[in-house]
Amino acid sequence: MRLSMRLGETVRTIGKGLGGIAIAGVLMLAPVVGMAAAPPAPIVQAPASPLPPPNISAAPAAGAAVATTPPAAADGATAAAPAAGSYAPMAPTPGKGMPVDGRLSFQDQYSPIGDYAMWMHDAILLPLIVVISLFVLALLMWVVVRYRRSANPVPSKTTHNVAIEIAWTLIPVLILVAVAVPSISLLAKQYKPAPKAALTVKATGYQWYWGYTYPDNGGFEVVSNMLKESSEVKAGERARTDADGPNLMAVDNRMVVPVGEPIRLQTTGSDVIHAFAVPAFWFKLDAVPGRINEKVLFIKEPGVYFGQCSELCGARHGFMPIVVEALPRPQFEAWVLAQGGTVGPAAVAAATPKKPAAGPADDPAAAPVTAAPAA
């Protein structure tokens, strides 16, 4: 009896276990069956181009004209623009904007600041230097002759002279004040901010060459390297000629700027500290990595002007010359077009930052709407 009862309980336990397993299997298979029975959710493809793409055009090769304005706007704005092929490099004038053998004074100046600095040097500093030097020389000669041993056997024991002490204190102070007034004026003129509409040119110093960027004309950069002599170049390389400039100062690509208008010249360095210096403009500005320095450059006459890096910057510091070519505005614009840049209203539009168009995330109406799949 007891054995049969135990067998019955065992059978019931096994039956309950099998029933639980069956129920669990049904519950696990139910979602799969439901998913197989439900129709698949429609796949919504995003449009190929929900927004019009930005107007991006590759820069043309040098020498090719660039059409940057529509015909309707170009009728009055760029009708007078020069042709891209009308630019021709200007030959330097001997003795102008370059060092001259045997010269004792500064180079002739071709900027208003340079004229003021030369006037200060010629009218104030140089006369003061000559007068003070002659005065000190006369004092020395008088002391040598008057107080030599044979003429003055008993030396004077005077230790103080109020009049002389006041004189040699006040006179140097007055001289320094006379020098300080025009000096401060010259500094103020050099660092006066450029007008808002001034052309911007950024000179970047590299080891050991210069790069000139024109952000107002499309942002192109001109790389300038020193030209070697014909005996130093390899096959296929360009050698210096007299039309390029003096030895060790001529370059393959010049910094071209318009004449007779203010230029916002910015300098920076790519690796070490350089210095952009052109003596004919009385212009020198350090090019420091990670910093933008800025001064106004104004050139009075067309011409080719030479300078050099004036900050010790490495092994080839003496071989990174600067050549500035100042041209009338039409010829400058022709050069810009030859480099693949922009001029006129197109240049202004290119230099003005534009507000980005709203994307699908910003415009809910433009975003595709998809229905959630059925549960």
Protein backbone atom coordinates (compact mmCIF):
# COMPACT_ATOMS: atom_id res chain seq x y z
CA MET A 1 0.00 0.00 0.00
CA ARG A 2 2.69 2.35 0.98
CA LEU A 3 4.66 1.41 -2.12
CA SER A 4 1.74 2.20 -4.39
CA MET A 5 1.20 5.56 -2.68
CA ARG A 6 4.85 6.48 -3.18
CA LEU A 7 4.67 5.46 -6.84
CA GLY A 8 1.56 7.62 -7.30
CA GLU A 9 3.25 10.66 -5.72
CA THR A 10 6.31 10.15 -7.93
CA VAL A 11 4.15 9.99 -11.05
CA ARG A 12 2.26 13.16 -10.05
CA THR A 13 5.57 15.00 -9.40
CA ILE A 14 6.94 13.97 -12.78
CA GLY A 15 3.71 15.07 -14.45
CA LYS A 16 3.82 18.50 -12.80
CA GLY A 17 7.43 18.92 -13.93
CA LEU A 18 6.62 18.01 -17.54
CA GLY A 19 3.63 20.38 -17.48
CA GLY A 20 5.82 23.25 -16.26
CA ILE A 21 8.35 22.57 -18.99
CA ALA A 22 5.60 22.57 -21.59
CA ILE A 23 4.17 25.88 -20.35
CA ALA A 24 7.64 27.50 -20.36
CA GLY A 25 8.23 26.31 -23.91
CA VAL A 26 4.94 27.80 -25.06
CA LEU A 27 5.78 31.15 -23.43
CA MET A 28 9.20 31.26 -25.12
CA LEU A 29 7.83 30.45 -28.55
CA ALA A 30 4.93 32.92 -28.37
CA PRO A 31 6.96 36.11 -29.22
CA VAL A 32 8.68 34.32 -32.06
CA VAL A 33 5.39 33.21 -33.50
CA GLY A 34 3.98 36.72 -33.06
CA MET A 35 6.92 38.30 -34.80
CA ALA A 36 6.71 35.82 -37.64
CA ALA A 37 3.01 36.52 -38.03
CA ALA A 38 3.32 40.34 -37.91
CA PRO A 39 4.08 42.07 -41.24
CA PRO A 40 7.55 43.64 -41.50
CA ALA A 41 7.80 47.39 -40.80
CA PRO A 42 8.20 49.51 -43.91
CA ILE A 43 11.72 50.71 -44.52
CA VAL A 44 11.83 54.48 -45.14
CA GLN A 45 14.82 55.61 -47.12
CA ALA A 46 16.15 59.11 -46.50
CA PRO A 47 16.03 61.33 -49.56
CA ALA A 48 19.25 61.46 -51.52
CA SER A 49 19.68 65.16 -50.84
CA PRO A 50 17.20 66.62 -48.30
CA LEU A 51 18.92 70.00 -48.53
CA PRO A 52 20.69 71.63 -51.42
CA PRO A 53 24.46 71.01 -51.08
CA PRO A 54 26.76 74.01 -50.54
CA ASN A 55 28.17 75.62 -53.61
CA ILE A 56 31.70 74.23 -53.58
CA SER A 57 33.94 74.64 -56.57
CA ALA A 58 37.54 73.61 -56.96
CA ALA A 59 40.11 76.37 -57.32
CA PRO A 60 41.22 76.69 -60.94
CA ALA A 61 44.79 76.39 -61.97
CA ALA A 62 46.96 79.50 -61.96
CA GLY A 63 46.33 81.65 -65.00
CA ALA A 64 42.67 80.69 -65.41
CA ALA A 65 39.94 83.26 -64.89
CA VAL A 66 37.32 82.43 -62.27
CA ALA A 67 33.61 83.20 -62.75
CA THR A 68 32.46 83.93 -59.21
CA THR A 69 29.31 86.02 -59.80
CA PRO A 70 26.20 85.30 -61.84
CA PRO A 71 25.89 87.08 -65.18
CA ALA A 72 23.21 89.44 -63.86
CA ALA A 73 25.43 90.66 -61.01
CA ALA A 74 28.59 90.64 -63.07
CA ASP A 75 27.31 93.20 -65.57
CA GLY A 76 28.02 96.24 -63.39
CA ALA A 77 30.43 94.81 -60.82
CA THR A 78 33.02 92.92 -62.85
CA ALA A 79 32.62 94.38 -66.29
CA ALA A 80 35.71 96.49 -65.71
CA ALA A 81 37.70 93.65 -64.11
CA PRO A 82 41.00 93.05 -65.90
CA ALA A 83 41.67 89.88 -67.78
CA ALA A 84 43.60 87.21 -65.91
CA GLY A 85 46.36 87.13 -68.50
CA SER A 86 47.10 90.87 -68.31
CA TYR A 87 49.49 90.52 -65.36
CA ALA A 88 53.20 90.51 -66.04
CA PRO A 89 55.87 90.57 -63.30
CA MET A 90 57.44 93.99 -62.85
CA ALA A 91 61.18 94.32 -63.29
CA PRO A 92 62.97 95.93 -60.32
CA THR A 93 64.46 99.41 -60.67
CA PRO A 94 68.20 99.47 -59.84
CA GLY A 95 68.76 101.24 -56.53
CA LYS A 96 65.05 101.39 -55.63
CA GLY A 97 63.84 99.27 -52.74
CA MET A 98 67.11 97.37 -52.53
CA PRO A 99 70.54 97.73 -50.89
CA VAL A 100 73.14 99.75 -52.78
CA ASP A 101 76.89 99.20 -52.55
CA GLY A 102 78.72 101.94 -50.67
CA ARG A 103 75.62 103.65 -49.30
CA LEU A 104 75.99 105.13 -45.80
CA SER A 105 72.40 106.14 -44.98
CA PHE A 106 69.08 104.29 -45.00
CA GLN A 107 67.30 103.25 -48.17
CA ASP A 108 64.95 105.76 -49.79
CA GLN A 109 61.52 105.49 -48.21
CA TYR A 110 58.29 104.74 -50.09
CA SER A 111 55.74 104.88 -47.27
CA PRO A 112 54.40 107.78 -45.15
CA ILE A 113 55.77 106.22 -41.97
CA GLY A 114 59.15 105.83 -43.64
CA ASP A 115 59.13 109.51 -44.63
CA TYR A 116 58.39 110.55 -41.05
CA ALA A 117 61.07 108.25 -39.65
CA MET A 118 63.64 109.56 -42.14
CA TRP A 119 62.75 113.14 -41.23
CA MET A 120 63.21 112.32 -37.55
CA HIS A 121 66.57 110.72 -38.29
CA ASP A 122 67.86 113.49 -40.55
CA ALA A 123 66.44 116.52 -38.72
CA ILE A 124 66.65 115.45 -35.05
CA LEU A 125 68.76 112.39 -34.31
CA LEU A 126 71.66 112.92 -36.71
CA PRO A 127 72.25 116.60 -35.72
CA LEU A 128 72.09 115.64 -32.04
CA ILE A 129 74.57 112.83 -32.58
CA VAL A 130 76.98 115.14 -34.42
CA VAL A 131 76.71 117.96 -31.86
CA ILE A 132 77.12 115.67 -28.84
CA SER A 133 80.02 113.80 -30.43
CA LEU A 134 81.85 117.03 -31.31
CA PHE A 135 81.17 118.48 -27.86
CA VAL A 136 82.56 115.41 -26.08
CA LEU A 137 85.57 115.35 -28.42
CA ALA A 138 86.24 119.04 -27.70
CA LEU A 139 86.04 118.41 -23.93
CA LEU A 140 88.49 115.54 -24.20
CA MET A 141 90.94 117.60 -26.26
CA TRP A 142 90.66 120.54 -23.86
CA VAL A 143 91.28 118.29 -20.82
CA VAL A 144 94.27 116.64 -22.52
CA VAL A 145 95.87 119.99 -23.39
CA ARG A 146 94.86 122.09 -20.40
CA TYR A 147 95.48 119.57 -17.65
CA ARG A 148 98.59 117.85 -18.90
CA ARG A 149 101.40 117.47 -16.38
CA SER A 150 103.67 120.19 -17.77
CA ALA A 151 100.85 122.80 -17.89
CA ASN A 152 99.25 121.83 -14.56
CA PRO A 153 101.92 120.61 -12.10
CA VAL A 154 99.60 121.05 -9.08
CA PRO A 155 96.27 119.28 -9.68
CA SER A 156 93.07 120.92 -8.50
CA LYS A 157 91.35 119.43 -5.46
CA THR A 158 87.87 120.72 -6.29
CA THR A 159 85.21 118.10 -5.50
CA HIS A 160 81.90 119.92 -6.15
CA ASN A 161 80.58 122.49 -8.59
CA VAL A 162 76.87 123.19 -8.29
CA ALA A 163 76.49 124.91 -11.65
CA ILE A 164 78.20 122.13 -13.57
CA GLU A 165 76.25 119.42 -11.76
CA ILE A 166 72.91 121.10 -12.53
CA ALA A 167 73.94 121.59 -16.16
CA TRP A 168 75.00 118.04 -16.79
CA THR A 169 71.73 116.81 -15.24
CA LEU A 170 69.21 119.11 -16.95
CA ILE A 171 70.75 119.19 -20.43
CA PRO A 172 70.57 115.39 -20.96
CA VAL A 173 66.98 115.41 -19.65
CA LEU A 174 65.99 118.08 -22.17
CA ILE A 175 67.73 116.17 -24.95
CA LEU A 176 65.85 112.97 -24.07
CA VAL A 177 62.53 114.83 -24.01
CA ALA A 178 63.29 116.32 -27.43
CA VAL A 179 63.91 112.79 -28.76
CA ALA A 180 60.97 111.18 -26.95
CA VAL A 181 58.23 113.39 -28.42
CA PRO A 182 58.76 112.46 -32.10
CA SER A 183 59.63 108.87 -31.12
CA ILE A 184 56.29 108.35 -29.38
CA SER A 185 54.52 109.93 -32.35
CA LEU A 186 56.32 107.53 -34.70
CA LEU A 187 55.32 104.53 -32.59
CA ALA A 188 51.69 105.68 -32.54
CA LYS A 189 51.69 106.07 -36.34
CA GLN A 190 53.13 102.60 -36.87
CA TYR A 191 50.52 100.83 -34.74
CA LYS A 192 47.46 102.80 -35.79
CA PRO A 193 44.72 100.26 -36.68
CA ALA A 194 44.00 99.65 -40.33
CA PRO A 195 40.73 100.90 -41.84
CA LYS A 196 37.89 98.40 -41.90
CA ALA A 197 37.93 98.16 -45.70
CA ALA A 198 41.71 97.66 -45.93
CA LEU A 199 43.02 94.66 -47.85
CA THR A 200 44.29 91.89 -45.55
CA VAL A 201 47.45 89.93 -46.32
CA LYS A 202 48.87 87.35 -43.91
CA ALA A 203 52.60 86.58 -44.08
CA THR A 204 53.56 83.24 -42.53
CA GLY A 205 57.19 82.46 -41.79
CA TYR A 206 58.39 78.90 -42.37
CA GLN A 207 61.83 77.34 -42.10
CA TRP A 208 63.05 78.80 -44.42
CA TYR A 209 60.61 80.49 -46.78
CA TRP A 210 57.53 82.71 -46.68
CA GLY A 211 53.88 82.11 -47.44
CA TYR A 212 51.42 84.91 -48.30
CA THR A 213 47.70 84.33 -47.80
CA TYR A 214 44.95 86.61 -49.18
CA PRO A 215 41.81 85.96 -47.08
CA ASP A 216 39.88 88.81 -48.78
CA ASN A 217 40.45 87.30 -52.23
CA GLY A 218 39.44 83.69 -51.77
CA GLY A 219 42.01 82.64 -49.17
CA PHE A 220 44.69 81.36 -51.57
CA GLU A 221 48.33 81.19 -50.43
CA VAL A 222 51.47 82.00 -52.43
CA VAL A 223 54.67 80.21 -51.35
CA SER A 224 57.86 82.22 -51.86
CA ASN A 225 61.32 80.63 -52.03
CA MET A 226 64.69 82.20 -52.79
CA LEU A 227 65.96 81.72 -56.34
CA LYS A 228 69.37 80.12 -56.74
CA GLU A 229 72.07 81.03 -59.21
CA SER A 230 72.33 79.22 -62.53
CA SER A 231 75.39 77.31 -61.30
CA GLU A 232 73.46 75.99 -58.27
CA VAL A 233 70.16 74.81 -59.77
CA LYS A 234 69.35 71.28 -60.85
CA ALA A 235 67.89 70.27 -64.17
CA GLY A 236 64.40 71.72 -64.58
CA GLU A 237 64.73 74.26 -61.78
CA ARG A 238 64.37 77.99 -62.33
CA ALA A 239 67.49 80.11 -61.88
CA ARG A 240 67.69 83.77 -60.88
CA THR A 241 67.97 86.43 -63.56
CA ASP A 242 68.56 90.18 -63.34
CA ALA A 243 64.83 90.70 -63.92
CA ASP A 244 64.14 88.87 -60.64
CA GLY A 245 66.39 91.01 -58.45
CA PRO A 246 69.80 90.95 -56.76
CA ASN A 247 71.57 87.77 -55.76
CA LEU A 248 70.31 86.18 -52.51
CA MET A 249 67.25 88.48 -52.56
CA ALA A 250 65.21 87.31 -55.57
CA VAL A 251 62.30 84.87 -55.12
CA ASP A 252 60.15 82.73 -57.36
CA ASN A 253 56.81 84.15 -56.11
CA ARG A 254 56.45 87.70 -54.79
CA MET A 255 54.01 89.20 -52.34
CA VAL A 256 51.87 91.32 -54.69
CA VAL A 257 49.83 94.18 -53.19
CA PRO A 258 47.98 97.24 -54.54
CA VAL A 259 49.76 100.58 -54.41
CA GLY A 260 48.36 103.75 -52.85
CA GLU A 261 46.00 102.17 -50.31
CA PRO A 262 46.32 100.86 -46.74
CA ILE A 263 47.05 97.17 -46.33
CA ARG A 264 46.44 95.21 -43.16
CA LEU A 265 49.57 93.06 -42.98
CA GLN A 266 49.41 90.23 -40.46
CA THR A 267 52.37 88.05 -39.52
CA THR A 268 52.66 84.69 -37.81
CA GLY A 269 55.16 81.86 -37.62
CA SER A 270 54.66 78.20 -38.44
CA ASP A 271 57.61 76.77 -36.49
CA VAL A 272 59.94 79.34 -34.88
CA ILE A 273 60.01 83.13 -34.53
CA HIS A 274 60.67 84.99 -37.78
CA ALA A 275 60.51 88.71 -38.59
CA PHE A 276 59.03 90.35 -41.69
CA ALA A 277 61.21 93.36 -42.54
CA VAL A 278 61.35 95.62 -45.62
CA PRO A 279 63.72 98.60 -45.11
CA ALA A 280 62.22 100.73 -47.92
CA PHE A 281 58.90 100.85 -46.01
CA TRP A 282 60.42 101.29 -42.53
CA PHE A 283 58.51 98.10 -41.74
CA LYS A 284 59.46 95.29 -39.38
CA LEU A 285 57.09 92.96 -37.55
CA ASP A 286 57.83 89.71 -35.69
CA ALA A 287 56.15 86.50 -36.87
CA VAL A 288 55.51 84.45 -33.72
CA PRO A 289 53.99 80.93 -33.77
CA GLY A 290 50.50 80.86 -32.30
CA ARG A 291 50.08 84.63 -32.47
CA ILE A 292 48.89 87.13 -35.09
CA ASN A 293 50.73 90.48 -35.18
CA GLU A 294 49.35 93.28 -37.32
CA LYS A 295 50.45 96.62 -38.75
CA VAL A 296 49.36 98.92 -41.57
CA LEU A 297 51.44 98.97 -44.75
CA PHE A 298 51.02 101.82 -47.24
CA ILE A 299 53.17 101.96 -50.39
CA LYS A 300 53.32 105.25 -52.27
CA GLU A 301 54.81 104.17 -55.61
CA PRO A 302 54.62 101.08 -57.82
CA GLY A 303 57.78 99.04 -57.77
CA VAL A 304 59.60 95.98 -56.49
CA TYR A 305 60.93 96.18 -52.94
CA PHE A 306 63.25 93.74 -51.19
CA GLY A 307 63.60 92.66 -47.57
CA GLN A 308 64.71 89.73 -45.45
CA CYS A 309 63.81 87.77 -42.35
CA SER A 310 65.28 89.78 -39.48
CA GLU A 311 65.04 87.24 -36.66
CA LEU A 312 67.57 84.44 -36.26
CA CYS A 313 65.47 81.40 -37.15
CA GLY A 314 67.87 78.58 -37.90
CA ALA A 315 70.55 77.35 -40.26
CA ARG A 316 69.16 79.03 -43.40
CA HIS A 317 67.99 82.24 -41.75
CA GLY A 318 69.95 84.32 -44.26
CA PHE A 319 68.26 82.64 -47.22
CA MET A 320 64.59 83.57 -46.83
CA PRO A 321 64.28 86.95 -48.60
CA ILE A 322 61.10 89.00 -48.98
CA VAL A 323 60.03 90.61 -52.25
CA VAL A 324 57.01 92.94 -52.34
CA GLU A 325 55.61 93.97 -55.72
CA ALA A 326 53.31 97.01 -55.55
CA LEU A 327 50.98 97.39 -58.53
CA PRO A 328 48.04 99.59 -59.48
CA ARG A 329 44.70 98.11 -58.43
CA PRO A 330 43.68 96.79 -61.91
CA GLN A 331 46.98 94.93 -62.32
CA PHE A 332 46.76 93.61 -58.78
CA GLU A 333 43.29 92.21 -59.47
CA ALA A 334 44.60 90.62 -62.66
CA TRP A 335 47.30 88.91 -60.61
CA VAL A 336 44.69 87.72 -58.10
CA LEU A 337 42.62 86.18 -60.88
CA ALA A 338 45.74 84.53 -62.29
CA GLN A 339 46.26 82.85 -58.91
CA GLY A 340 42.69 81.53 -58.84
CA GLY A 341 41.44 84.15 -56.39
CA THR A 342 38.39 86.40 -56.44
CA VAL A 343 37.98 90.16 -56.81
CA GLY A 344 35.18 92.69 -56.48
CA PRO A 345 31.81 91.74 -54.92
CA ALA A 346 32.66 88.06 -55.26
CA ALA A 347 35.69 88.55 -53.01
CA VAL A 348 33.55 90.35 -50.43
CA ALA A 349 30.98 87.55 -50.51
CA ALA A 350 33.68 84.91 -50.16
CA ALA A 351 35.25 86.69 -47.19
CA THR A 352 31.88 87.14 -45.39
CA PRO A 353 30.99 84.16 -43.17
CA LYS A 354 27.64 82.67 -44.13
CA LYS A 355 25.05 81.24 -41.74
CA PRO A 356 24.86 77.47 -42.26
CA ALA A 357 21.59 76.12 -43.63
CA ALA A 358 19.30 74.27 -41.22
CA GLY A 359 19.80 70.52 -41.31
CA PRO A 360 17.19 67.83 -40.82
CA ALA A 361 17.87 67.88 -37.07
CA ASP A 362 17.21 71.64 -36.96
CA ASP A 363 14.10 71.62 -39.16
CA PRO A 364 11.48 69.11 -37.99
CA ALA A 365 9.44 69.56 -41.17
CA ALA A 366 12.37 68.43 -43.29
CA ALA A 367 13.12 65.30 -41.24
CA PRO A 368 11.55 62.06 -42.58
CA VAL A 369 8.82 60.62 -40.33
CA THR A 370 8.69 56.86 -39.92
CA ALA A 371 5.89 54.87 -38.24
CA ALA A 372 6.80 52.66 -35.31
CA PRO A 373 6.49 48.95 -36.05
CA ALA A 374 3.50 47.11 -34.67
CA ALA A 375 3.96 45.51 -31.28
